[in-house]
Amino acid sequence: MADCHNLFAEYRDEISIGSTKKNRMISSKDSLRRRIRKWFKDNHPEYEPKFYIQGSHKMKSGIRTKEDICDLDDGIYFFQKT
């Protein structure tokens, strides 16, 4: 039986999201969340947005495409304050 471990490890390294890119994505997510919260506080204070990470980022299975593209899915939910 062929030992393909090295090939799979090389491929995993090729498609994995690096720590620098992952940190930038998380920073962008946090910044966007702040902007959304502020906008609703200023324009519709009766609504309070809540967020929930979804998709491959939540499942820790995110990958980069050969064009170095990846994403982070962040669900936003609105609950009216009573």
Protein backbone atom coordinates (compact mmCIF):
# COMPACT_ATOMS: atom_id res chain seq x y z
CA MET A 1 0.00 0.00 0.00
CA ALA A 2 1.29 3.45 -0.92
CA ASP A 3 2.12 5.87 1.87
CA CYS A 4 0.50 9.16 0.81
CA HIS A 5 0.73 10.93 4.15
CA ASN A 6 3.33 13.44 2.90
CA LEU A 7 1.19 14.27 -0.14
CA PHE A 8 -1.87 14.93 2.03
CA ALA A 9 0.16 17.01 4.49
CA GLU A 10 1.55 19.09 1.63
CA TYR A 11 -1.93 19.59 0.19
CA ARG A 12 -3.33 20.55 3.62
CA ASP A 13 -0.58 23.15 3.99
CA GLU A 14 -1.38 24.46 0.51
CA ILE A 15 -5.08 25.12 1.27
CA SER A 16 -4.87 26.05 4.97
CA ILE A 17 -5.55 29.60 6.07
CA GLY A 18 -2.39 31.06 7.60
CA SER A 19 -2.39 32.71 11.02
CA THR A 20 -1.77 36.20 9.59
CA LYS A 21 -4.73 35.94 7.23
CA LYS A 22 -6.90 34.35 9.93
CA ASN A 23 -6.07 37.19 12.34
CA ARG A 24 -6.94 39.80 9.68
CA MET A 25 -10.26 38.08 9.04
CA ILE A 26 -11.12 38.05 12.75
CA SER A 27 -10.10 41.70 13.10
CA SER A 28 -12.30 42.63 10.13
CA LYS A 29 -15.22 40.66 11.59
CA ASP A 30 -14.89 42.46 14.92
CA SER A 31 -14.66 45.86 13.23
CA LEU A 32 -17.73 45.17 11.10
CA ARG A 33 -19.69 44.01 14.15
CA ARG A 34 -18.82 47.27 15.95
CA ARG A 35 -19.96 49.33 12.97
CA ILE A 36 -23.25 47.43 12.71
CA ARG A 37 -23.93 47.78 16.44
CA LYS A 38 -23.20 51.52 16.29
CA TRP A 39 -25.41 52.04 13.26
CA PHE A 40 -28.36 50.34 14.92
CA LYS A 41 -27.75 52.15 18.20
CA ASP A 42 -27.75 55.50 16.35
CA ASN A 43 -30.56 54.78 13.87
CA HIS A 44 -32.76 52.05 15.36
CA PRO A 45 -32.02 51.74 19.08
CA GLU A 46 -35.08 49.54 19.53
CA TYR A 47 -33.20 46.74 17.74
CA GLU A 48 -30.16 45.00 19.15
CA PRO A 49 -28.13 42.96 16.63
CA LYS A 50 -26.69 39.65 17.80
CA PHE A 51 -24.02 37.73 15.91
CA TYR A 52 -23.13 34.07 15.48
CA ILE A 53 -20.19 32.60 13.56
CA GLN A 54 -21.36 30.04 11.01
CA GLY A 55 -20.04 27.83 8.25
CA SER A 56 -16.53 26.54 7.72
CA HIS A 57 -14.97 28.94 10.23
CA LYS A 58 -17.23 27.64 12.99
CA MET A 59 -16.47 24.04 11.98
CA LYS A 60 -12.72 24.82 11.72
CA SER A 61 -12.68 23.55 8.16
CA GLY A 62 -11.95 26.78 6.28
CA ILE A 63 -9.68 26.67 3.24
CA ARG A 64 -8.02 29.07 0.80
CA THR A 65 -8.65 28.84 -2.92
CA LYS A 66 -5.75 28.93 -5.37
CA GLU A 67 -6.58 32.66 -5.77
CA ASP A 68 -5.95 33.04 -1.99
CA ILE A 69 -9.65 33.68 -1.30
CA CYS A 70 -11.39 32.56 1.87
CA ASP A 71 -14.35 33.76 3.86
CA LEU A 72 -15.82 33.97 7.32
CA ASP A 73 -19.60 33.57 7.62
CA ASP A 74 -21.08 35.68 10.40
CA GLY A 75 -24.83 35.45 10.97
CA ILE A 76 -26.63 38.52 12.25
CA TYR A 77 -29.90 38.32 14.13
CA PHE A 78 -32.18 41.13 15.22
CA PHE A 79 -34.23 41.12 18.37
CA GLN A 80 -36.49 44.01 19.20
CA LYS A 81 -35.94 45.42 22.66
CA THR A 82 -39.09 45.44 24.74
